[in-house]
Each structure stands twice: as structure tokens, then as C-alpha cells.
Amino acid sequence: MGIVGLLIGYGVQKREWLVNGSCYGFAITFVFMVAGYAGNAYLISRIPFFAMLGLFGGLCGLVLGLMGFEIKAEADNPGR
């Protein structure tokens, strides 16, 4: 997740890292939780909890997108 999050931020222009990074982080976390669920309770009862974890993943993706964007900005303008 980390390398792809950095690449997302590195490959975008201006503030696109905000949406792209957070959507990527939420999607990858939520889908991982749903796909890996093997509990006895119905999956639909676990969706709110998985969504909360997805929000945390979205926050992590947002930070990684920002980091990638800043790395690109520093590479384009050294010593800003």
C-alpha cells in the first residue's frame, strides 16, 4: 500500500493527491477487510466496522499521497 500511495501522489498534478490518495487508501483497506472476512456473523453486520477501518486507511492513503506529491515537488524544484 505504501509504495503505490507514494506513486499516486508522485504522479498527479496540484491537489489531486488529496482525492486520489484518500480514495485509494479507503478502497484498498475496505476491500481487503471484506475479502478476508471469514467470521460466523453475516458480512452485512460487519460493514460499519470495516467502513471505520476504511476511513483510517483513507487517512493513511491521504498522507502517502501528500508525501509523494512533496517528493515530486522537491525533485522538480530543489532547495525550494
PDB file of N, CA and C in Angstrom:
ATOM      1  N   MET A   1       0.820  -1.181   0.000  1.00  0.00           N
ATOM      2  CA  MET A   1       0.000   0.000   0.000  1.00  0.00           C
ATOM      3  C   MET A   1       0.865   1.247   0.000  1.00  0.00           C
ATOM      4  N   GLY A   2       1.963   1.204   0.700  1.00  0.00           N
ATOM      5  CA  GLY A   2       2.782   2.390   0.854  1.00  0.00           C
ATOM      6  C   GLY A   2       3.414   2.865  -0.434  1.00  0.00           C
ATOM      7  N   ILE A   3       3.992   1.970  -1.194  1.00  0.00           N
ATOM      8  CA  ILE A   3       4.669   2.369  -2.423  1.00  0.00           C
ATOM      9  C   ILE A   3       3.662   2.897  -3.434  1.00  0.00           C
ATOM     10  N   VAL A   4       2.524   2.227  -3.561  1.00  0.00           N
ATOM     11  CA  VAL A   4       1.504   2.685  -4.503  1.00  0.00           C
ATOM     12  C   VAL A   4       0.949   4.041  -4.069  1.00  0.00           C
ATOM     13  N   GLY A   5       0.745   4.242  -2.775  1.00  0.00           N
ATOM     14  CA  GLY A   5       0.287   5.534  -2.282  1.00  0.00           C
ATOM     15  C   GLY A   5       1.255   6.656  -2.613  1.00  0.00           C
ATOM     16  N   LEU A   6       2.546   6.390  -2.482  1.00  0.00           N
ATOM     17  CA  LEU A   6       3.553   7.388  -2.850  1.00  0.00           C
ATOM     18  C   LEU A   6       3.538   7.654  -4.351  1.00  0.00           C
ATOM     19  N   LEU A   7       3.381   6.599  -5.138  1.00  0.00           N
ATOM     20  CA  LEU A   7       3.335   6.771  -6.591  1.00  0.00           C
ATOM     21  C   LEU A   7       2.099   7.543  -7.035  1.00  0.00           C
ATOM     22  N   ILE A   8       0.999   7.350  -6.344  1.00  0.00           N
ATOM     23  CA  ILE A   8      -0.207   8.118  -6.659  1.00  0.00           C
ATOM     24  C   ILE A   8       0.054   9.606  -6.441  1.00  0.00           C
ATOM     25  N   GLY A   9       0.651   9.942  -5.335  1.00  0.00           N
ATOM     26  CA  GLY A   9       0.972  11.346  -5.075  1.00  0.00           C
ATOM     27  C   GLY A   9       2.025  11.895  -6.011  1.00  0.00           C
ATOM     28  N   TYR A  10       2.962  11.056  -6.405  1.00  0.00           N
ATOM     29  CA  TYR A  10       4.039  11.492  -7.285  1.00  0.00           C
ATOM     30  C   TYR A  10       3.544  11.746  -8.701  1.00  0.00           C
ATOM     31  N   GLY A  11       2.520  11.015  -9.107  1.00  0.00           N
ATOM     32  CA  GLY A  11       2.074  11.083 -10.490  1.00  0.00           C
ATOM     33  C   GLY A  11       0.947  12.057 -10.786  1.00  0.00           C
ATOM     34  N   VAL A  12       0.523  12.852  -9.823  1.00  0.00           N
ATOM     35  CA  VAL A  12      -0.614  13.754 -10.052  1.00  0.00           C
ATOM     36  C   VAL A  12      -0.166  15.213 -10.071  1.00  0.00           C
ATOM     37  N   GLN A  13      -1.083  16.051 -10.513  1.00  0.00           N
ATOM     38  CA  GLN A  13      -0.843  17.490 -10.553  1.00  0.00           C
ATOM     39  C   GLN A  13      -1.635  18.174  -9.446  1.00  0.00           C
ATOM     40  N   LYS A  14      -1.095  19.211  -8.902  1.00  0.00           N
ATOM     41  CA  LYS A  14      -1.734  20.082  -7.908  1.00  0.00           C
ATOM     42  C   LYS A  14      -2.357  19.296  -6.750  1.00  0.00           C
ATOM     43  N   ARG A  15      -3.658  19.473  -6.499  1.00  0.00           N
ATOM     44  CA  ARG A  15      -4.293  18.886  -5.317  1.00  0.00           C
ATOM     45  C   ARG A  15      -5.005  17.562  -5.586  1.00  0.00           C
ATOM     46  N   GLU A  16      -4.726  16.920  -6.709  1.00  0.00           N
ATOM     47  CA  GLU A  16      -5.364  15.639  -6.994  1.00  0.00           C
ATOM     48  C   GLU A  16      -4.941  14.561  -5.996  1.00  0.00           C
ATOM     49  N   TRP A  17      -3.792  14.718  -5.375  1.00  0.00           N
ATOM     50  CA  TRP A  17      -3.318  13.731  -4.410  1.00  0.00           C
ATOM     51  C   TRP A  17      -4.297  13.587  -3.260  1.00  0.00           C
ATOM     52  N   LEU A  18      -5.019  14.659  -2.946  1.00  0.00           N
ATOM     53  CA  LEU A  18      -5.951  14.633  -1.831  1.00  0.00           C
ATOM     54  C   LEU A  18      -7.049  13.596  -2.062  1.00  0.00           C
ATOM     55  N   VAL A  19      -7.710  13.679  -3.197  1.00  0.00           N
ATOM     56  CA  VAL A  19      -8.811  12.764  -3.505  1.00  0.00           C
ATOM     57  C   VAL A  19      -8.282  11.381  -3.872  1.00  0.00           C
ATOM     58  N   ASN A  20      -7.289  11.346  -4.752  1.00  0.00           N
ATOM     59  CA  ASN A  20      -6.782  10.058  -5.220  1.00  0.00           C
ATOM     60  C   ASN A  20      -6.180   9.221  -4.094  1.00  0.00           C
ATOM     61  N   GLY A  21      -5.387   9.836  -3.245  1.00  0.00           N
ATOM     62  CA  GLY A  21      -4.763   9.104  -2.143  1.00  0.00           C
ATOM     63  C   GLY A  21      -5.770   8.598  -1.132  1.00  0.00           C
ATOM     64  N   SER A  22      -6.729   9.431  -0.765  1.00  0.00           N
ATOM     65  CA  SER A  22      -7.709   9.001   0.237  1.00  0.00           C
ATOM     66  C   SER A  22      -8.662   7.946  -0.322  1.00  0.00           C
ATOM     67  N   CYS A  23      -9.078   8.084  -1.581  1.00  0.00           N
ATOM     68  CA  CYS A  23      -9.952   7.068  -2.182  1.00  0.00           C
ATOM     69  C   CYS A  23      -9.217   5.740  -2.323  1.00  0.00           C
ATOM     70  N   TYR A  24      -7.965   5.782  -2.734  1.00  0.00           N
ATOM     71  CA  TYR A  24      -7.180   4.558  -2.839  1.00  0.00           C
ATOM     72  C   TYR A  24      -7.032   3.889  -1.475  1.00  0.00           C
ATOM     73  N   GLY A  25      -6.679   4.653  -0.458  1.00  0.00           N
ATOM     74  CA  GLY A  25      -6.492   4.085   0.878  1.00  0.00           C
ATOM     75  C   GLY A  25      -7.769   3.471   1.421  1.00  0.00           C
ATOM     76  N   PHE A  26      -8.910   4.168   1.256  1.00  0.00           N
ATOM     77  CA  PHE A  26     -10.181   3.622   1.719  1.00  0.00           C
ATOM     78  C   PHE A  26     -10.526   2.350   0.968  1.00  0.00           C
ATOM     79  N   ALA A  27     -10.414   2.389  -0.355  1.00  0.00           N
ATOM     80  CA  ALA A  27     -10.815   1.233  -1.170  1.00  0.00           C
ATOM     81  C   ALA A  27      -9.970   0.010  -0.866  1.00  0.00           C
ATOM     82  N   ILE A  28      -8.672   0.163  -0.787  1.00  0.00           N
ATOM     83  CA  ILE A  28      -7.810  -0.995  -0.566  1.00  0.00           C
ATOM     84  C   ILE A  28      -8.034  -1.591   0.821  1.00  0.00           C
ATOM     85  N   THR A  29      -8.239  -0.751   1.814  1.00  0.00           N
ATOM     86  CA  THR A  29      -8.470  -1.241   3.170  1.00  0.00           C
ATOM     87  C   THR A  29      -9.830  -1.922   3.289  1.00  0.00           C
ATOM     88  N   PHE A  30     -10.868  -1.284   2.772  1.00  0.00           N
ATOM     89  CA  PHE A  30     -12.223  -1.835   2.863  1.00  0.00           C
ATOM     90  C   PHE A  30     -12.332  -3.150   2.105  1.00  0.00           C
ATOM     91  N   VAL A  31     -11.813  -3.197   0.898  1.00  0.00           N
ATOM     92  CA  VAL A  31     -11.890  -4.423   0.095  1.00  0.00           C
ATOM     93  C   VAL A  31     -11.083  -5.543   0.740  1.00  0.00           C
ATOM     94  N   PHE A  32      -9.935  -5.226   1.300  1.00  0.00           N
ATOM     95  CA  PHE A  32      -9.134  -6.239   1.992  1.00  0.00           C
ATOM     96  C   PHE A  32      -9.905  -6.828   3.169  1.00  0.00           C
ATOM     97  N   MET A  33     -10.580  -5.981   3.931  1.00  0.00           N
ATOM     98  CA  MET A  33     -11.357  -6.468   5.071  1.00  0.00           C
ATOM     99  C   MET A  33     -12.526  -7.349   4.629  1.00  0.00           C
ATOM    100  N   VAL A  34     -13.252  -6.919   3.614  1.00  0.00           N
ATOM    101  CA  VAL A  34     -14.400  -7.690   3.138  1.00  0.00           C
ATOM    102  C   VAL A  34     -13.943  -9.019   2.544  1.00  0.00           C
ATOM    103  N   ALA A  35     -12.896  -8.985   1.734  1.00  0.00           N
ATOM    104  CA  ALA A  35     -12.425 -10.203   1.080  1.00  0.00           C
ATOM    105  C   ALA A  35     -11.852 -11.206   2.077  1.00  0.00           C
ATOM    106  N   GLY A  36     -11.253 -10.729   3.138  1.00  0.00           N
ATOM    107  CA  GLY A  36     -10.642 -11.618   4.111  1.00  0.00           C
ATOM    108  C   GLY A  36     -11.558 -12.063   5.237  1.00  0.00           C
ATOM    109  N   TYR A  37     -12.809 -11.599   5.207  1.00  0.00           N
ATOM    110  CA  TYR A  37     -13.723 -11.924   6.305  1.00  0.00           C
ATOM    111  C   TYR A  37     -14.136 -13.386   6.229  1.00  0.00           C
ATOM    112  N   ALA A  38     -13.972 -14.077   7.346  1.00  0.00           N
ATOM    113  CA  ALA A  38     -14.335 -15.494   7.414  1.00  0.00           C
ATOM    114  C   ALA A  38     -15.041 -15.795   8.732  1.00  0.00           C
ATOM    115  N   GLY A  39     -15.750 -14.808   9.273  1.00  0.00           N
ATOM    116  CA  GLY A  39     -16.408 -14.989  10.559  1.00  0.00           C
ATOM    117  C   GLY A  39     -17.745 -15.702  10.444  1.00  0.00           C
ATOM    118  N   ASN A  40     -18.342 -15.972  11.602  1.00  0.00           N
ATOM    119  CA  ASN A  40     -19.629 -16.658  11.649  1.00  0.00           C
ATOM    120  C   ASN A  40     -20.802 -15.707  11.434  1.00  0.00           C
ATOM    121  N   ALA A  41     -20.655 -14.469  11.807  1.00  0.00           N
ATOM    122  CA  ALA A  41     -21.739 -13.493  11.650  1.00  0.00           C
ATOM    123  C   ALA A  41     -21.866 -13.098  10.186  1.00  0.00           C
ATOM    124  N   TYR A  42     -23.035 -12.597   9.826  1.00  0.00           N
ATOM    125  CA  TYR A  42     -23.254 -12.144   8.458  1.00  0.00           C
ATOM    126  C   TYR A  42     -22.326 -10.981   8.135  1.00  0.00           C
ATOM    127  N   LEU A  43     -21.865 -10.964   6.909  1.00  0.00           N
ATOM    128  CA  LEU A  43     -20.946  -9.910   6.471  1.00  0.00           C
ATOM    129  C   LEU A  43     -21.582  -8.531   6.599  1.00  0.00           C
ATOM    130  N   ILE A  44     -22.864  -8.426   6.313  1.00  0.00           N
ATOM    131  CA  ILE A  44     -23.541  -7.124   6.357  1.00  0.00           C
ATOM    132  C   ILE A  44     -23.481  -6.499   7.756  1.00  0.00           C
ATOM    133  N   SER A  45     -23.393  -7.327   8.784  1.00  0.00           N
ATOM    134  CA  SER A  45     -23.299  -6.791  10.143  1.00  0.00           C
ATOM    135  C   SER A  45     -21.915  -6.234  10.457  1.00  0.00           C
ATOM    136  N   ARG A  46     -20.942  -6.577   9.666  1.00  0.00           N
ATOM    137  CA  ARG A  46     -19.566  -6.108   9.884  1.00  0.00           C
ATOM    138  C   ARG A  46     -19.207  -4.899   9.024  1.00  0.00           C
ATOM    139  N   ILE A  47     -20.072  -4.520   8.084  1.00  0.00           N
ATOM    140  CA  ILE A  47     -19.780  -3.426   7.161  1.00  0.00           C
ATOM    141  C   ILE A  47     -19.467  -2.112   7.889  1.00  0.00           C
ATOM    142  N   PRO A  48     -20.239  -1.706   8.919  1.00  0.00           N
ATOM    143  CA  PRO A  48     -19.890  -0.439   9.599  1.00  0.00           C
ATOM    144  C   PRO A  48     -18.482  -0.442  10.203  1.00  0.00           C
ATOM    145  N   PHE A  49     -18.093  -1.552  10.803  1.00  0.00           N
ATOM    146  CA  PHE A  49     -16.755  -1.641  11.380  1.00  0.00           C
ATOM    147  C   PHE A  49     -15.692  -1.594  10.281  1.00  0.00           C
ATOM    148  N   PHE A  50     -15.931  -2.308   9.181  1.00  0.00           N
ATOM    149  CA  PHE A  50     -14.981  -2.285   8.071  1.00  0.00           C
ATOM    150  C   PHE A  50     -14.899  -0.889   7.455  1.00  0.00           C
ATOM    151  N   ALA A  51     -16.013  -0.172   7.421  1.00  0.00           N
ATOM    152  CA  ALA A  51     -16.011   1.193   6.891  1.00  0.00           C
ATOM    153  C   ALA A  51     -15.185   2.120   7.783  1.00  0.00           C
ATOM    154  N   MET A  52     -15.260   1.933   9.097  1.00  0.00           N
ATOM    155  CA  MET A  52     -14.436   2.739  10.007  1.00  0.00           C
ATOM    156  C   MET A  52     -12.955   2.456   9.781  1.00  0.00           C
ATOM    157  N   LEU A  53     -12.611   1.193   9.614  1.00  0.00           N
ATOM    158  CA  LEU A  53     -11.219   0.862   9.306  1.00  0.00           C
ATOM    159  C   LEU A  53     -10.829   1.429   7.944  1.00  0.00           C
ATOM    160  N   GLY A  54     -11.764   1.432   7.007  1.00  0.00           N
ATOM    161  CA  GLY A  54     -11.510   2.019   5.693  1.00  0.00           C
ATOM    162  C   GLY A  54     -11.228   3.502   5.780  1.00  0.00           C
ATOM    163  N   LEU A  55     -11.907   4.204   6.685  1.00  0.00           N
ATOM    164  CA  LEU A  55     -11.637   5.632   6.878  1.00  0.00           C
ATOM    165  C   LEU A  55     -10.217   5.858   7.381  1.00  0.00           C
ATOM    166  N   PHE A  56      -9.770   4.996   8.264  1.00  0.00           N
ATOM    167  CA  PHE A  56      -8.381   5.083   8.719  1.00  0.00           C
ATOM    168  C   PHE A  56      -7.427   4.819   7.561  1.00  0.00           C
ATOM    169  N   GLY A  57      -7.739   3.824   6.737  1.00  0.00           N
ATOM    170  CA  GLY A  57      -6.935   3.560   5.547  1.00  0.00           C
ATOM    171  C   GLY A  57      -6.941   4.736   4.592  1.00  0.00           C
ATOM    172  N   GLY A  58      -8.092   5.414   4.490  1.00  0.00           N
ATOM    173  CA  GLY A  58      -8.173   6.610   3.655  1.00  0.00           C
ATOM    174  C   GLY A  58      -7.276   7.719   4.161  1.00  0.00           C
ATOM    175  N   LEU A  59      -7.216   7.867   5.471  1.00  0.00           N
ATOM    176  CA  LEU A  59      -6.322   8.858   6.065  1.00  0.00           C
ATOM    177  C   LEU A  59      -4.867   8.508   5.773  1.00  0.00           C
ATOM    178  N   CYS A  60      -4.532   7.250   5.880  1.00  0.00           N
ATOM    179  CA  CYS A  60      -3.162   6.821   5.570  1.00  0.00           C
ATOM    180  C   CYS A  60      -2.840   7.052   4.098  1.00  0.00           C
ATOM    181  N   GLY A  61      -3.786   6.754   3.210  1.00  0.00           N
ATOM    182  CA  GLY A  61      -3.586   6.998   1.787  1.00  0.00           C
ATOM    183  C   GLY A  61      -3.428   8.469   1.491  1.00  0.00           C
ATOM    184  N   LEU A  62      -4.166   9.312   2.200  1.00  0.00           N
ATOM    185  CA  LEU A  62      -4.052  10.754   2.039  1.00  0.00           C
ATOM    186  C   LEU A  62      -2.648  11.227   2.399  1.00  0.00           C
ATOM    187  N   VAL A  63      -2.127  10.732   3.504  1.00  0.00           N
ATOM    188  CA  VAL A  63      -0.776  11.115   3.943  1.00  0.00           C
ATOM    189  C   VAL A  63       0.265  10.627   2.937  1.00  0.00           C
ATOM    190  N   LEU A  64       0.109   9.405   2.443  1.00  0.00           N
ATOM    191  CA  LEU A  64       1.061   8.887   1.460  1.00  0.00           C
ATOM    192  C   LEU A  64       0.993   9.674   0.152  1.00  0.00           C
ATOM    193  N   GLY A  65      -0.217  10.053  -0.255  1.00  0.00           N
ATOM    194  CA  GLY A  65      -0.356  10.875  -1.455  1.00  0.00           C
ATOM    195  C   GLY A  65       0.329  12.215  -1.301  1.00  0.00           C
ATOM    196  N   LEU A  66       0.172  12.823  -0.138  1.00  0.00           N
ATOM    197  CA  LEU A  66       0.846  14.095   0.140  1.00  0.00           C
ATOM    198  C   LEU A  66       2.358  13.927   0.113  1.00  0.00           C
ATOM    199  N   MET A  67       2.850  12.863   0.709  1.00  0.00           N
ATOM    200  CA  MET A  67       4.292  12.628   0.723  1.00  0.00           C
ATOM    201  C   MET A  67       4.835  12.455  -0.694  1.00  0.00           C
ATOM    202  N   GLY A  68       4.124  11.680  -1.519  1.00  0.00           N
ATOM    203  CA  GLY A  68       4.553  11.506  -2.904  1.00  0.00           C
ATOM    204  C   GLY A  68       4.543  12.804  -3.675  1.00  0.00           C
ATOM    205  N   PHE A  69       3.518  13.633  -3.446  1.00  0.00           N
ATOM    206  CA  PHE A  69       3.433  14.930  -4.111  1.00  0.00           C
ATOM    207  C   PHE A  69       4.585  15.840  -3.684  1.00  0.00           C
ATOM    208  N   GLU A  70       4.901  15.830  -2.410  1.00  0.00           N
ATOM    209  CA  GLU A  70       6.005  16.657  -1.908  1.00  0.00           C
ATOM    210  C   GLU A  70       7.355  16.166  -2.427  1.00  0.00           C
ATOM    211  N   ILE A  71       7.512  14.864  -2.566  1.00  0.00           N
ATOM    212  CA  ILE A  71       8.759  14.327  -3.133  1.00  0.00           C
ATOM    213  C   ILE A  71       8.920  14.812  -4.567  1.00  0.00           C
ATOM    214  N   LYS A  72       7.827  14.764  -5.332  1.00  0.00           N
ATOM    215  CA  LYS A  72       7.879  15.244  -6.718  1.00  0.00           C
ATOM    216  C   LYS A  72       8.168  16.746  -6.756  1.00  0.00           C
ATOM    217  N   ALA A  73       7.511  17.513  -5.896  1.00  0.00           N
ATOM    218  CA  ALA A  73       7.735  18.963  -5.874  1.00  0.00           C
ATOM    219  C   ALA A  73       9.176  19.292  -5.538  1.00  0.00           C
ATOM    220  N   GLU A  74       9.761  18.545  -4.622  1.00  0.00           N
ATOM    221  CA  GLU A  74      11.157  18.781  -4.246  1.00  0.00           C
ATOM    222  C   GLU A  74      12.096  18.379  -5.386  1.00  0.00           C
ATOM    223  N   ALA A  75      11.761  17.305  -6.100  1.00  0.00           N
ATOM    224  CA  ALA A  75      12.590  16.887  -7.215  1.00  0.00           C
ATOM    225  C   ALA A  75      12.533  17.885  -8.366  1.00  0.00           C
ATOM    226  N   ASP A  76      11.345  18.494  -8.580  1.00  0.00           N
ATOM    227  CA  ASP A  76      11.195  19.470  -9.649  1.00  0.00           C
ATOM    228  C   ASP A  76      11.838  20.816  -9.304  1.00  0.00           C
ATOM    229  N   ASN A  77      11.826  21.197  -8.047  1.00  0.00           N
ATOM    230  CA  ASN A  77      12.381  22.472  -7.589  1.00  0.00           C
ATOM    231  C   ASN A  77      13.306  22.243  -6.397  1.00  0.00           C
ATOM    232  N   PRO A  78      14.528  21.794  -6.628  1.00  0.00           N
ATOM    233  CA  PRO A  78      15.411  21.507  -5.488  1.00  0.00           C
ATOM    234  C   PRO A  78      15.725  22.773  -4.692  1.00  0.00           C
ATOM    235  N   GLY A  79      15.709  22.624  -3.379  1.00  0.00           N
ATOM    236  CA  GLY A  79      16.053  23.723  -2.492  1.00  0.00           C
ATOM    237  C   GLY A  79      15.004  24.812  -2.422  1.00  0.00           C
ATOM    238  N   ARG A  80      13.752  24.437  -2.540  1.00  0.00           N
ATOM    239  CA  ARG A  80      12.678  25.451  -2.526  1.00  0.00           C
ATOM    240  C   ARG A  80      12.772  26.325  -1.337  1.00  0.00           C
TER     241      ARG A  80
END
